[in-house]
Amino acid sequence: EDAPFFTPGSEGAHLHAKVLNEGNEPVVLKHFVNAFRGTNLRTV
């Protein structure tokens, strides 16, 4: 909760309106710099 930005559940952590996902476009949630680390990105 004391992260400088992208705090859990915050409005700031939401995708920006210019590029919101639509339909069946997956959204991968990550907690590290590398989007492959600890996520299902490779599986997707």
PDB file of all heavy atoms in Angstrom:
ATOM      1  N   GLU A   1       0.815  -1.215   0.000  1.00  0.00           N
ATOM      2  CA  GLU A   1       0.000   0.000   0.000  1.00  0.00           C
ATOM      3  C   GLU A   1       0.850   1.267   0.000  1.00  0.00           C
ATOM      4  O   GLU A   1       0.380   2.328  -0.386  1.00  0.00           O
ATOM      5  CB  GLU A   1      -0.932   0.019   1.221  1.00  0.00           C
ATOM      6  CG  GLU A   1      -2.048  -0.988   1.154  1.00  0.00           C
ATOM      7  CD  GLU A   1      -3.071  -0.693   0.074  1.00  0.00           C
ATOM      8  OE1 GLU A   1      -3.271   0.476  -0.281  1.00  0.00           O
ATOM      9  OE2 GLU A   1      -3.670  -1.663  -0.430  1.00  0.00           O
ATOM     10  N   ASP A   2       2.110   1.186   0.462  1.00  0.00           N
ATOM     11  CA  ASP A   2       2.947   2.379   0.492  1.00  0.00           C
ATOM     12  C   ASP A   2       3.861   2.493  -0.728  1.00  0.00           C
ATOM     13  O   ASP A   2       4.857   3.211  -0.710  1.00  0.00           O
ATOM     14  CB  ASP A   2       3.735   2.504   1.805  1.00  0.00           C
ATOM     15  CG  ASP A   2       4.346   1.207   2.287  1.00  0.00           C
ATOM     16  OD1 ASP A   2       3.820   0.147   1.949  1.00  0.00           O
ATOM     17  OD2 ASP A   2       5.343   1.264   3.030  1.00  0.00           O
ATOM     18  N   ALA A   3       3.491   1.833  -1.825  1.00  0.00           N
ATOM     19  CA  ALA A   3       4.232   1.976  -3.084  1.00  0.00           C
ATOM     20  C   ALA A   3       4.046   3.400  -3.611  1.00  0.00           C
ATOM     21  O   ALA A   3       3.022   4.035  -3.342  1.00  0.00           O
ATOM     22  CB  ALA A   3       3.712   0.960  -4.105  1.00  0.00           C
ATOM     23  N   PRO A   4       5.025   3.916  -4.360  1.00  0.00           N
ATOM     24  CA  PRO A   4       4.915   5.288  -4.852  1.00  0.00           C
ATOM     25  C   PRO A   4       3.807   5.485  -5.897  1.00  0.00           C
ATOM     26  O   PRO A   4       3.331   6.596  -6.101  1.00  0.00           O
ATOM     27  CB  PRO A   4       6.289   5.568  -5.449  1.00  0.00           C
ATOM     28  CG  PRO A   4       6.880   4.238  -5.737  1.00  0.00           C
ATOM     29  CD  PRO A   4       6.280   3.288  -4.741  1.00  0.00           C
ATOM     30  N   PHE A   5       3.403   4.417  -6.562  1.00  0.00           N
ATOM     31  CA  PHE A   5       2.336   4.454  -7.563  1.00  0.00           C
ATOM     32  C   PHE A   5       1.866   3.029  -7.784  1.00  0.00           C
ATOM     33  O   PHE A   5       2.431   2.094  -7.247  1.00  0.00           O
ATOM     34  CB  PHE A   5       2.794   5.116  -8.881  1.00  0.00           C
ATOM     35  CG  PHE A   5       4.022   4.499  -9.505  1.00  0.00           C
ATOM     36  CD1 PHE A   5       3.907   3.583 -10.541  1.00  0.00           C
ATOM     37  CD2 PHE A   5       5.297   4.843  -9.073  1.00  0.00           C
ATOM     38  CE1 PHE A   5       5.034   3.006 -11.121  1.00  0.00           C
ATOM     39  CE2 PHE A   5       6.429   4.276  -9.653  1.00  0.00           C
ATOM     40  CZ  PHE A   5       6.301   3.361 -10.676  1.00  0.00           C
ATOM     41  N   PHE A   6       0.782   2.862  -8.569  1.00  0.00           N
ATOM     42  CA  PHE A   6       0.187   1.542  -8.832  1.00  0.00           C
ATOM     43  C   PHE A   6      -0.093   0.766  -7.548  1.00  0.00           C
ATOM     44  O   PHE A   6       0.175  -0.433  -7.451  1.00  0.00           O
ATOM     45  CB  PHE A   6       1.066   0.695  -9.759  1.00  0.00           C
ATOM     46  CG  PHE A   6       1.289   1.233 -11.136  1.00  0.00           C
ATOM     47  CD1 PHE A   6       2.360   0.785 -11.888  1.00  0.00           C
ATOM     48  CD2 PHE A   6       0.443   2.172 -11.704  1.00  0.00           C
ATOM     49  CE1 PHE A   6       2.578   1.251 -13.175  1.00  0.00           C
ATOM     50  CE2 PHE A   6       0.658   2.653 -12.982  1.00  0.00           C
ATOM     51  CZ  PHE A   6       1.737   2.189 -13.728  1.00  0.00           C
ATOM     52  N   THR A   7      -0.657   1.447  -6.562  1.00  0.00           N
ATOM     53  CA  THR A   7      -0.991   0.752  -5.323  1.00  0.00           C
ATOM     54  C   THR A   7      -2.166  -0.190  -5.563  1.00  0.00           C
ATOM     55  O   THR A   7      -3.024   0.080  -6.413  1.00  0.00           O
ATOM     56  CB  THR A   7      -1.316   1.748  -4.183  1.00  0.00           C
ATOM     57  OG1 THR A   7      -2.336   2.638  -4.621  1.00  0.00           O
ATOM     58  CG2 THR A   7      -0.093   2.532  -3.762  1.00  0.00           C
ATOM     59  N   PRO A   8      -2.219  -1.295  -4.855  1.00  0.00           N
ATOM     60  CA  PRO A   8      -3.251  -2.303  -5.085  1.00  0.00           C
ATOM     61  C   PRO A   8      -4.661  -1.727  -5.040  1.00  0.00           C
ATOM     62  O   PRO A   8      -5.022  -1.006  -4.106  1.00  0.00           O
ATOM     63  CB  PRO A   8      -3.026  -3.302  -3.944  1.00  0.00           C
ATOM     64  CG  PRO A   8      -1.603  -3.121  -3.548  1.00  0.00           C
ATOM     65  CD  PRO A   8      -1.310  -1.667  -3.775  1.00  0.00           C
ATOM     66  N   GLY A   9      -5.441  -2.029  -6.074  1.00  0.00           N
ATOM     67  CA  GLY A   9      -6.830  -1.634  -6.138  1.00  0.00           C
ATOM     68  C   GLY A   9      -7.088  -0.159  -6.398  1.00  0.00           C
ATOM     69  O   GLY A   9      -8.237   0.265  -6.428  1.00  0.00           O
ATOM     70  N   SER A  10      -6.052   0.635  -6.606  1.00  0.00           N
ATOM     71  CA  SER A  10      -6.237   2.075  -6.785  1.00  0.00           C
ATOM     72  C   SER A  10      -6.667   2.406  -8.214  1.00  0.00           C
ATOM     73  O   SER A  10      -6.438   1.646  -9.146  1.00  0.00           O
ATOM     74  CB  SER A  10      -4.937   2.819  -6.474  1.00  0.00           C
ATOM     75  OG  SER A  10      -3.957   2.543  -7.466  1.00  0.00           O
ATOM     76  N   GLU A  11      -7.284   3.569  -8.371  1.00  0.00           N
ATOM     77  CA  GLU A  11      -7.656   4.068  -9.702  1.00  0.00           C
ATOM     78  C   GLU A  11      -6.404   4.260 -10.553  1.00  0.00           C
ATOM     79  O   GLU A  11      -6.427   4.044 -11.766  1.00  0.00           O
ATOM     80  CB  GLU A  11      -8.437   5.384  -9.566  1.00  0.00           C
ATOM     81  CG  GLU A  11      -8.942   5.943 -10.877  1.00  0.00           C
ATOM     82  CD  GLU A  11      -9.959   5.061 -11.591  1.00  0.00           C
ATOM     83  OE1 GLU A  11     -10.699   4.323 -10.922  1.00  0.00           O
ATOM     84  OE2 GLU A  11     -10.002   5.113 -12.841  1.00  0.00           O
ATOM     85  N   GLY A  12      -5.325   4.670  -9.938  1.00  0.00           N
ATOM     86  CA  GLY A  12      -4.067   4.867 -10.663  1.00  0.00           C
ATOM     87  C   GLY A  12      -3.517   3.594 -11.277  1.00  0.00           C
ATOM     88  O   GLY A  12      -2.794   3.638 -12.272  1.00  0.00           O
ATOM     89  N   ALA A  13      -3.852   2.450 -10.702  1.00  0.00           N
ATOM     90  CA  ALA A  13      -3.375   1.167 -11.215  1.00  0.00           C
ATOM     91  C   ALA A  13      -4.243   0.614 -12.340  1.00  0.00           C
ATOM     92  O   ALA A  13      -3.886  -0.379 -12.965  1.00  0.00           O
ATOM     93  CB  ALA A  13      -3.285   0.154 -10.082  1.00  0.00           C
ATOM     94  N   HIS A  14      -5.374   1.271 -12.627  1.00  0.00           N
ATOM     95  CA  HIS A  14      -6.258   0.806 -13.709  1.00  0.00           C
ATOM     96  C   HIS A  14      -5.683   1.167 -15.072  1.00  0.00           C
ATOM     97  O   HIS A  14      -4.960   2.152 -15.216  1.00  0.00           O
ATOM     98  CB  HIS A  14      -7.639   1.437 -13.580  1.00  0.00           C
ATOM     99  CG  HIS A  14      -8.411   0.942 -12.404  1.00  0.00           C
ATOM    100  ND1 HIS A  14      -9.589   1.519 -12.008  1.00  0.00           N
ATOM    101  CD2 HIS A  14      -8.182  -0.070 -11.530  1.00  0.00           C
ATOM    102  CE1 HIS A  14     -10.050   0.887 -10.946  1.00  0.00           C
ATOM    103  NE2 HIS A  14      -9.208  -0.074 -10.636  1.00  0.00           N
ATOM    104  N   LEU A  15      -6.053   0.385 -16.079  1.00  0.00           N
ATOM    105  CA  LEU A  15      -5.682   0.701 -17.451  1.00  0.00           C
ATOM    106  C   LEU A  15      -6.273   2.055 -17.830  1.00  0.00           C
ATOM    107  O   LEU A  15      -7.383   2.388 -17.427  1.00  0.00           O
ATOM    108  CB  LEU A  15      -6.194  -0.368 -18.418  1.00  0.00           C
ATOM    109  CG  LEU A  15      -5.591  -1.760 -18.288  1.00  0.00           C
ATOM    110  CD1 LEU A  15      -6.289  -2.724 -19.242  1.00  0.00           C
ATOM    111  CD2 LEU A  15      -4.088  -1.745 -18.524  1.00  0.00           C
ATOM    112  N   HIS A  16      -5.524   2.801 -18.628  1.00  0.00           N
ATOM    113  CA  HIS A  16      -5.991   4.116 -19.067  1.00  0.00           C
ATOM    114  C   HIS A  16      -7.100   3.952 -20.106  1.00  0.00           C
ATOM    115  O   HIS A  16      -7.107   2.999 -20.896  1.00  0.00           O
ATOM    116  CB  HIS A  16      -4.834   4.921 -19.649  1.00  0.00           C
ATOM    117  CG  HIS A  16      -5.158   6.356 -19.832  1.00  0.00           C
ATOM    118  ND1 HIS A  16      -5.721   6.839 -20.983  1.00  0.00           N
ATOM    119  CD2 HIS A  16      -5.019   7.410 -19.005  1.00  0.00           C
ATOM    120  CE1 HIS A  16      -5.917   8.144 -20.856  1.00  0.00           C
ATOM    121  NE2 HIS A  16      -5.488   8.516 -19.665  1.00  0.00           N
ATOM    122  N   ALA A  17      -8.025   4.899 -20.123  1.00  0.00           N
ATOM    123  CA  ALA A  17      -9.186   4.839 -21.022  1.00  0.00           C
ATOM    124  C   ALA A  17      -8.815   4.755 -22.497  1.00  0.00           C
ATOM    125  O   ALA A  17      -9.573   4.203 -23.295  1.00  0.00           O
ATOM    126  CB  ALA A  17     -10.077   6.060 -20.778  1.00  0.00           C
ATOM    127  N   LYS A  18      -7.647   5.272 -22.876  1.00  0.00           N
ATOM    128  CA  LYS A  18      -7.244   5.244 -24.287  1.00  0.00           C
ATOM    129  C   LYS A  18      -7.005   3.832 -24.813  1.00  0.00           C
ATOM    130  O   LYS A  18      -7.051   3.614 -26.024  1.00  0.00           O
ATOM    131  CB  LYS A  18      -5.971   6.075 -24.498  1.00  0.00           C
ATOM    132  CG  LYS A  18      -6.195   7.553 -24.328  1.00  0.00           C
ATOM    133  CD  LYS A  18      -4.941   8.346 -24.642  1.00  0.00           C
ATOM    134  CE  LYS A  18      -5.215   9.827 -24.443  1.00  0.00           C
ATOM    135  NZ  LYS A  18      -4.146  10.659 -24.996  1.00  0.00           N
ATOM    136  N   VAL A  19      -6.740   2.884 -23.905  1.00  0.00           N
ATOM    137  CA  VAL A  19      -6.385   1.528 -24.349  1.00  0.00           C
ATOM    138  C   VAL A  19      -7.068   0.442 -23.534  1.00  0.00           C
ATOM    139  O   VAL A  19      -6.507  -0.639 -23.339  1.00  0.00           O
ATOM    140  CB  VAL A  19      -4.850   1.319 -24.318  1.00  0.00           C
ATOM    141  CG1 VAL A  19      -4.143   2.208 -25.325  1.00  0.00           C
ATOM    142  CG2 VAL A  19      -4.295   1.558 -22.919  1.00  0.00           C
ATOM    143  N   LEU A  20      -8.264   0.676 -23.085  1.00  0.00           N
ATOM    144  CA  LEU A  20      -8.969  -0.336 -22.297  1.00  0.00           C
ATOM    145  C   LEU A  20      -9.145  -1.631 -23.086  1.00  0.00           C
ATOM    146  O   LEU A  20      -9.351  -1.604 -24.302  1.00  0.00           O
ATOM    147  CB  LEU A  20     -10.348   0.180 -21.874  1.00  0.00           C
ATOM    148  CG  LEU A  20     -10.366   1.250 -20.801  1.00  0.00           C
ATOM    149  CD1 LEU A  20     -11.794   1.729 -20.565  1.00  0.00           C
ATOM    150  CD2 LEU A  20      -9.746   0.737 -19.507  1.00  0.00           C
ATOM    151  N   ASN A  21      -9.076  -2.735 -22.377  1.00  0.00           N
ATOM    152  CA  ASN A  21      -9.293  -4.024 -23.031  1.00  0.00           C
ATOM    153  C   ASN A  21     -10.757  -4.170 -23.431  1.00  0.00           C
ATOM    154  O   ASN A  21     -11.645  -3.601 -22.798  1.00  0.00           O
ATOM    155  CB  ASN A  21      -8.857  -5.176 -22.133  1.00  0.00           C
ATOM    156  CG  ASN A  21      -9.653  -5.265 -20.862  1.00  0.00           C
ATOM    157  OD1 ASN A  21      -9.802  -4.287 -20.138  1.00  0.00           O
ATOM    158  ND2 ASN A  21     -10.180  -6.442 -20.585  1.00  0.00           N
ATOM    159  N   GLU A  22     -10.969  -4.898 -24.507  1.00  0.00           N
ATOM    160  CA  GLU A  22     -12.323  -5.169 -25.005  1.00  0.00           C
ATOM    161  C   GLU A  22     -12.495  -6.667 -25.202  1.00  0.00           C
ATOM    162  O   GLU A  22     -11.529  -7.384 -25.460  1.00  0.00           O
ATOM    163  CB  GLU A  22     -12.547  -4.472 -26.356  1.00  0.00           C
ATOM    164  CG  GLU A  22     -12.603  -2.970 -26.290  1.00  0.00           C
ATOM    165  CD  GLU A  22     -12.860  -2.345 -27.660  1.00  0.00           C
ATOM    166  OE1 GLU A  22     -12.921  -3.070 -28.682  1.00  0.00           O
ATOM    167  OE2 GLU A  22     -12.990  -1.114 -27.701  1.00  0.00           O
ATOM    168  N   GLY A  23     -13.729  -7.108 -25.147  1.00  0.00           N
ATOM    169  CA  GLY A  23     -14.062  -8.498 -25.466  1.00  0.00           C
ATOM    170  C   GLY A  23     -13.219  -9.489 -24.700  1.00  0.00           C
ATOM    171  O   GLY A  23     -13.138  -9.439 -23.483  1.00  0.00           O
ATOM    172  N   ASN A  24     -12.558 -10.367 -25.443  1.00  0.00           N
ATOM    173  CA  ASN A  24     -11.775 -11.433 -24.807  1.00  0.00           C
ATOM    174  C   ASN A  24     -10.280 -11.107 -24.725  1.00  0.00           C
ATOM    175  O   ASN A  24      -9.464 -12.005 -24.590  1.00  0.00           O
ATOM    176  CB  ASN A  24     -11.990 -12.753 -25.552  1.00  0.00           C
ATOM    177  CG  ASN A  24     -11.479 -12.696 -26.984  1.00  0.00           C
ATOM    178  OD1 ASN A  24     -11.152 -11.622 -27.496  1.00  0.00           O
ATOM    179  ND2 ASN A  24     -11.421 -13.846 -27.636  1.00  0.00           N
ATOM    180  N   GLU A  25      -9.920  -9.829 -24.792  1.00  0.00           N
ATOM    181  CA  GLU A  25      -8.516  -9.445 -24.656  1.00  0.00           C
ATOM    182  C   GLU A  25      -8.079  -9.619 -23.197  1.00  0.00           C
ATOM    183  O   GLU A  25      -8.598  -8.941 -22.313  1.00  0.00           O
ATOM    184  CB  GLU A  25      -8.301  -7.988 -25.082  1.00  0.00           C
ATOM    185  CG  GLU A  25      -8.589  -7.727 -26.539  1.00  0.00           C
ATOM    186  CD  GLU A  25      -8.602  -6.243 -26.902  1.00  0.00           C
ATOM    187  OE1 GLU A  25      -8.441  -5.381 -26.010  1.00  0.00           O
ATOM    188  OE2 GLU A  25      -8.799  -5.960 -28.099  1.00  0.00           O
ATOM    189  N   PRO A  26      -7.133 -10.513 -22.944  1.00  0.00           N
ATOM    190  CA  PRO A  26      -6.732 -10.754 -21.563  1.00  0.00           C
ATOM    191  C   PRO A  26      -5.945  -9.589 -20.973  1.00  0.00           C
ATOM    192  O   PRO A  26      -5.269  -8.844 -21.688  1.00  0.00           O
ATOM    193  CB  PRO A  26      -5.844 -11.997 -21.662  1.00  0.00           C
ATOM    194  CG  PRO A  26      -5.363 -12.030 -23.063  1.00  0.00           C
ATOM    195  CD  PRO A  26      -6.421 -11.368 -23.895  1.00  0.00           C
ATOM    196  N   VAL A  27      -6.064  -9.450 -19.656  1.00  0.00           N
ATOM    197  CA  VAL A  27      -5.263  -8.492 -18.898  1.00  0.00           C
ATOM    198  C   VAL A  27      -4.410  -9.309 -17.934  1.00  0.00           C
ATOM    199  O   VAL A  27      -4.936 -10.000 -17.057  1.00  0.00           O
ATOM    200  CB  VAL A  27      -6.134  -7.495 -18.123  1.00  0.00           C
ATOM    201  CG1 VAL A  27      -5.252  -6.536 -17.315  1.00  0.00           C
ATOM    202  CG2 VAL A  27      -7.051  -6.723 -19.066  1.00  0.00           C
ATOM    203  N   VAL A  28      -3.107  -9.231 -18.114  1.00  0.00           N
ATOM    204  CA  VAL A  28      -2.160  -9.951 -17.261  1.00  0.00           C
ATOM    205  C   VAL A  28      -1.748  -9.011 -16.131  1.00  0.00           C
ATOM    206  O   VAL A  28      -1.283  -7.894 -16.382  1.00  0.00           O
ATOM    207  CB  VAL A  28      -0.928 -10.397 -18.081  1.00  0.00           C
ATOM    208  CG1 VAL A  28       0.144 -10.983 -17.172  1.00  0.00           C
ATOM    209  CG2 VAL A  28      -1.340 -11.391 -19.162  1.00  0.00           C
ATOM    210  N   LEU A  29      -1.919  -9.440 -14.902  1.00  0.00           N
ATOM    211  CA  LEU A  29      -1.513  -8.664 -13.740  1.00  0.00           C
ATOM    212  C   LEU A  29      -0.104  -9.076 -13.340  1.00  0.00           C
ATOM    213  O   LEU A  29       0.174 -10.268 -13.171  1.00  0.00           O
ATOM    214  CB  LEU A  29      -2.477  -8.899 -12.576  1.00  0.00           C
ATOM    215  CG  LEU A  29      -2.124  -8.191 -11.264  1.00  0.00           C
ATOM    216  CD1 LEU A  29      -2.167  -6.685 -11.434  1.00  0.00           C
ATOM    217  CD2 LEU A  29      -3.052  -8.655 -10.160  1.00  0.00           C
ATOM    218  N   LYS A  30       0.774  -8.074 -13.197  1.00  0.00           N
ATOM    219  CA  LYS A  30       2.144  -8.376 -12.787  1.00  0.00           C
ATOM    220  C   LYS A  30       2.519  -7.587 -11.546  1.00  0.00           C
ATOM    221  O   LYS A  30       1.921  -6.540 -11.260  1.00  0.00           O
ATOM    222  CB  LYS A  30       3.129  -8.091 -13.929  1.00  0.00           C
ATOM    223  CG  LYS A  30       3.324  -6.639 -14.281  1.00  0.00           C
ATOM    224  CD  LYS A  30       4.307  -6.503 -15.451  1.00  0.00           C
ATOM    225  CE  LYS A  30       4.484  -5.080 -15.876  1.00  0.00           C
ATOM    226  NZ  LYS A  30       5.376  -4.296 -15.061  1.00  0.00           N
ATOM    227  N   HIS A  31       3.523  -8.100 -10.839  1.00  0.00           N
ATOM    228  CA  HIS A  31       4.022  -7.442  -9.628  1.00  0.00           C
ATOM    229  C   HIS A  31       5.516  -7.163  -9.719  1.00  0.00           C
ATOM    230  O   HIS A  31       6.118  -6.688  -8.759  1.00  0.00           O
ATOM    231  CB  HIS A  31       3.733  -8.296  -8.394  1.00  0.00           C
ATOM    232  CG  HIS A  31       2.283  -8.595  -8.202  1.00  0.00           C
ATOM    233  ND1 HIS A  31       1.342  -7.621  -7.937  1.00  0.00           N
ATOM    234  CD2 HIS A  31       1.603  -9.759  -8.271  1.00  0.00           C
ATOM    235  CE1 HIS A  31       0.151  -8.176  -7.828  1.00  0.00           C
ATOM    236  NE2 HIS A  31       0.279  -9.472  -8.031  1.00  0.00           N
ATOM    237  N   PHE A  32       6.120  -7.485 -10.857  1.00  0.00           N
ATOM    238  CA  PHE A  32       7.544  -7.283 -11.077  1.00  0.00           C
ATOM    239  C   PHE A  32       7.750  -6.498 -12.363  1.00  0.00           C
ATOM    240  O   PHE A  32       6.836  -6.368 -13.172  1.00  0.00           O
ATOM    241  CB  PHE A  32       8.270  -8.632 -11.181  1.00  0.00           C
ATOM    242  CG  PHE A  32       8.169  -9.462  -9.931  1.00  0.00           C
ATOM    243  CD1 PHE A  32       7.243 -10.497  -9.844  1.00  0.00           C
ATOM    244  CD2 PHE A  32       8.985  -9.214  -8.840  1.00  0.00           C
ATOM    245  CE1 PHE A  32       7.127 -11.270  -8.704  1.00  0.00           C
ATOM    246  CE2 PHE A  32       8.876  -9.974  -7.683  1.00  0.00           C
ATOM    247  CZ  PHE A  32       7.955 -11.008  -7.616  1.00  0.00           C
ATOM    248  N   VAL A  33       8.957  -6.009 -12.581  1.00  0.00           N
ATOM    249  CA  VAL A  33       9.284  -5.236 -13.782  1.00  0.00           C
ATOM    250  C   VAL A  33       9.069  -6.077 -15.039  1.00  0.00           C
ATOM    251  O   VAL A  33       8.451  -5.631 -16.003  1.00  0.00           O
ATOM    252  CB  VAL A  33      10.741  -4.712 -13.700  1.00  0.00           C
ATOM    253  CG1 VAL A  33      11.154  -4.063 -14.998  1.00  0.00           C
ATOM    254  CG2 VAL A  33      10.887  -3.733 -12.537  1.00  0.00           C
ATOM    255  N   ASN A  34       9.552  -7.303 -15.045  1.00  0.00           N
ATOM    256  CA  ASN A  34       9.448  -8.202 -16.193  1.00  0.00           C
ATOM    257  C   ASN A  34       8.039  -8.816 -16.241  1.00  0.00           C
ATOM    258  O   ASN A  34       7.636  -9.522 -15.319  1.00  0.00           O
ATOM    259  CB  ASN A  34      10.505  -9.290 -16.079  1.00  0.00           C
ATOM    260  CG  ASN A  34      10.472 -10.283 -17.207  1.00  0.00           C
ATOM    261  OD1 ASN A  34       9.558 -10.314 -18.029  1.00  0.00           O
ATOM    262  ND2 ASN A  34      11.491 -11.126 -17.252  1.00  0.00           N
ATOM    263  N   ALA A  35       7.321  -8.559 -17.310  1.00  0.00           N
ATOM    264  CA  ALA A  35       5.938  -9.036 -17.433  1.00  0.00           C
ATOM    265  C   ALA A  35       5.824 -10.558 -17.521  1.00  0.00           C
ATOM    266  O   ALA A  35       4.732 -11.100 -17.348  1.00  0.00           O
ATOM    267  CB  ALA A  35       5.272  -8.401 -18.652  1.00  0.00           C
ATOM    268  N   PHE A  36       6.915 -11.255 -17.789  1.00  0.00           N
ATOM    269  CA  PHE A  36       6.876 -12.714 -17.821  1.00  0.00           C
ATOM    270  C   PHE A  36       7.072 -13.315 -16.430  1.00  0.00           C
ATOM    271  O   PHE A  36       6.676 -14.448 -16.183  1.00  0.00           O
ATOM    272  CB  PHE A  36       7.954 -13.260 -18.765  1.00  0.00           C
ATOM    273  CG  PHE A  36       7.643 -13.057 -20.218  1.00  0.00           C
ATOM    274  CD1 PHE A  36       8.197 -11.998 -20.922  1.00  0.00           C
ATOM    275  CD2 PHE A  36       6.800 -13.931 -20.898  1.00  0.00           C
ATOM    276  CE1 PHE A  36       7.916 -11.811 -22.275  1.00  0.00           C
ATOM    277  CE2 PHE A  36       6.507 -13.753 -22.239  1.00  0.00           C
ATOM    278  CZ  PHE A  36       7.063 -12.688 -22.924  1.00  0.00           C
ATOM    279  N   ARG A  37       7.671 -12.575 -15.512  1.00  0.00           N
ATOM    280  CA  ARG A  37       8.008 -13.101 -14.182  1.00  0.00           C
ATOM    281  C   ARG A  37       6.761 -13.205 -13.304  1.00  0.00           C
ATOM    282  O   ARG A  37       6.094 -12.216 -13.020  1.00  0.00           O
ATOM    283  CB  ARG A  37       9.035 -12.197 -13.505  1.00  0.00           C
ATOM    284  CG  ARG A  37       9.444 -12.706 -12.150  1.00  0.00           C
ATOM    285  CD  ARG A  37      10.487 -11.826 -11.503  1.00  0.00           C
ATOM    286  NE  ARG A  37      10.728 -12.268 -10.143  1.00  0.00           N
ATOM    287  CZ  ARG A  37      11.337 -11.541  -9.239  1.00  0.00           C
ATOM    288  NH1 ARG A  37      11.793 -10.342  -9.536  1.00  0.00           N
ATOM    289  NH2 ARG A  37      11.499 -12.025  -8.026  1.00  0.00           N
ATOM    290  N   GLY A  38       6.453 -14.407 -12.896  1.00  0.00           N
ATOM    291  CA  GLY A  38       5.355 -14.633 -11.964  1.00  0.00           C
ATOM    292  C   GLY A  38       3.977 -14.392 -12.555  1.00  0.00           C
ATOM    293  O   GLY A  38       3.025 -14.174 -11.802  1.00  0.00           O
ATOM    294  N   THR A  39       3.867 -14.411 -13.893  1.00  0.00           N
ATOM    295  CA  THR A  39       2.567 -14.192 -14.539  1.00  0.00           C
ATOM    296  C   THR A  39       2.279 -15.334 -15.519  1.00  0.00           C
ATOM    297  O   THR A  39       3.127 -16.190 -15.765  1.00  0.00           O
ATOM    298  CB  THR A  39       2.543 -12.874 -15.348  1.00  0.00           C
ATOM    299  OG1 THR A  39       3.348 -13.025 -16.524  1.00  0.00           O
ATOM    300  CG2 THR A  39       3.030 -11.694 -14.521  1.00  0.00           C
ATOM    301  N   ASN A  40       1.109 -15.267 -16.117  1.00  0.00           N
ATOM    302  CA  ASN A  40       0.728 -16.252 -17.131  1.00  0.00           C
ATOM    303  C   ASN A  40       0.928 -15.711 -18.558  1.00  0.00           C
ATOM    304  O   ASN A  40       0.361 -16.253 -19.500  1.00  0.00           O
ATOM    305  CB  ASN A  40      -0.723 -16.686 -16.928  1.00  0.00           C
ATOM    306  CG  ASN A  40      -1.713 -15.550 -17.159  1.00  0.00           C
ATOM    307  OD1 ASN A  40      -1.366 -14.378 -17.074  1.00  0.00           O
ATOM    308  ND2 ASN A  40      -2.963 -15.912 -17.442  1.00  0.00           N
ATOM    309  N   LEU A  41       1.732 -14.667 -18.727  1.00  0.00           N
ATOM    310  CA  LEU A  41       1.912 -14.069 -20.052  1.00  0.00           C
ATOM    311  C   LEU A  41       2.394 -15.085 -21.077  1.00  0.00           C
ATOM    312  O   LEU A  41       1.846 -15.177 -22.175  1.00  0.00           O
ATOM    313  CB  LEU A  41       2.865 -12.872 -19.993  1.00  0.00           C
ATOM    314  CG  LEU A  41       3.166 -12.189 -21.333  1.00  0.00           C
ATOM    315  CD1 LEU A  41       1.895 -11.719 -22.029  1.00  0.00           C
ATOM    316  CD2 LEU A  41       4.148 -11.028 -21.115  1.00  0.00           C
ATOM    317  N   ARG A  42       3.384 -15.867 -20.732  1.00  0.00           N
ATOM    318  CA  ARG A  42       3.900 -16.853 -21.692  1.00  0.00           C
ATOM    319  C   ARG A  42       2.819 -17.875 -22.054  1.00  0.00           C
ATOM    320  O   ARG A  42       2.666 -18.243 -23.219  1.00  0.00           O
ATOM    321  CB  ARG A  42       5.135 -17.543 -21.144  1.00  0.00           C
ATOM    322  CG  ARG A  42       5.822 -18.387 -22.195  1.00  0.00           C
ATOM    323  CD  ARG A  42       7.166 -18.865 -21.740  1.00  0.00           C
ATOM    324  NE  ARG A  42       7.854 -19.538 -22.832  1.00  0.00           N
ATOM    325  CZ  ARG A  42       8.960 -20.221 -22.685  1.00  0.00           C
ATOM    326  NH1 ARG A  42       9.540 -20.308 -21.496  1.00  0.00           N
ATOM    327  NH2 ARG A  42       9.516 -20.806 -23.722  1.00  0.00           N
ATOM    328  N   THR A  43       2.061 -18.329 -21.084  1.00  0.00           N
ATOM    329  CA  THR A  43       0.974 -19.275 -21.339  1.00  0.00           C
ATOM    330  C   THR A  43      -0.061 -18.669 -22.272  1.00  0.00           C
ATOM    331  O   THR A  43      -0.539 -19.317 -23.211  1.00  0.00           O
ATOM    332  CB  THR A  43       0.318 -19.704 -20.013  1.00  0.00           C
ATOM    333  OG1 THR A  43       1.317 -20.310 -19.188  1.00  0.00           O
ATOM    334  CG2 THR A  43      -0.822 -20.671 -20.239  1.00  0.00           C
ATOM    335  N   VAL A  44      -0.432 -17.407 -22.027  1.00  0.00           N
ATOM    336  CA  VAL A  44      -1.399 -16.707 -22.881  1.00  0.00           C
ATOM    337  C   VAL A  44      -0.893 -16.682 -24.325  1.00  0.00           C
ATOM    338  O   VAL A  44      -1.652 -16.943 -25.266  1.00  0.00           O
ATOM    339  CB  VAL A  44      -1.659 -15.280 -22.349  1.00  0.00           C
ATOM    340  CG1 VAL A  44      -2.397 -14.434 -23.374  1.00  0.00           C
ATOM    341  CG2 VAL A  44      -2.428 -15.333 -21.036  1.00  0.00           C
TER     342      VAL A  44
END
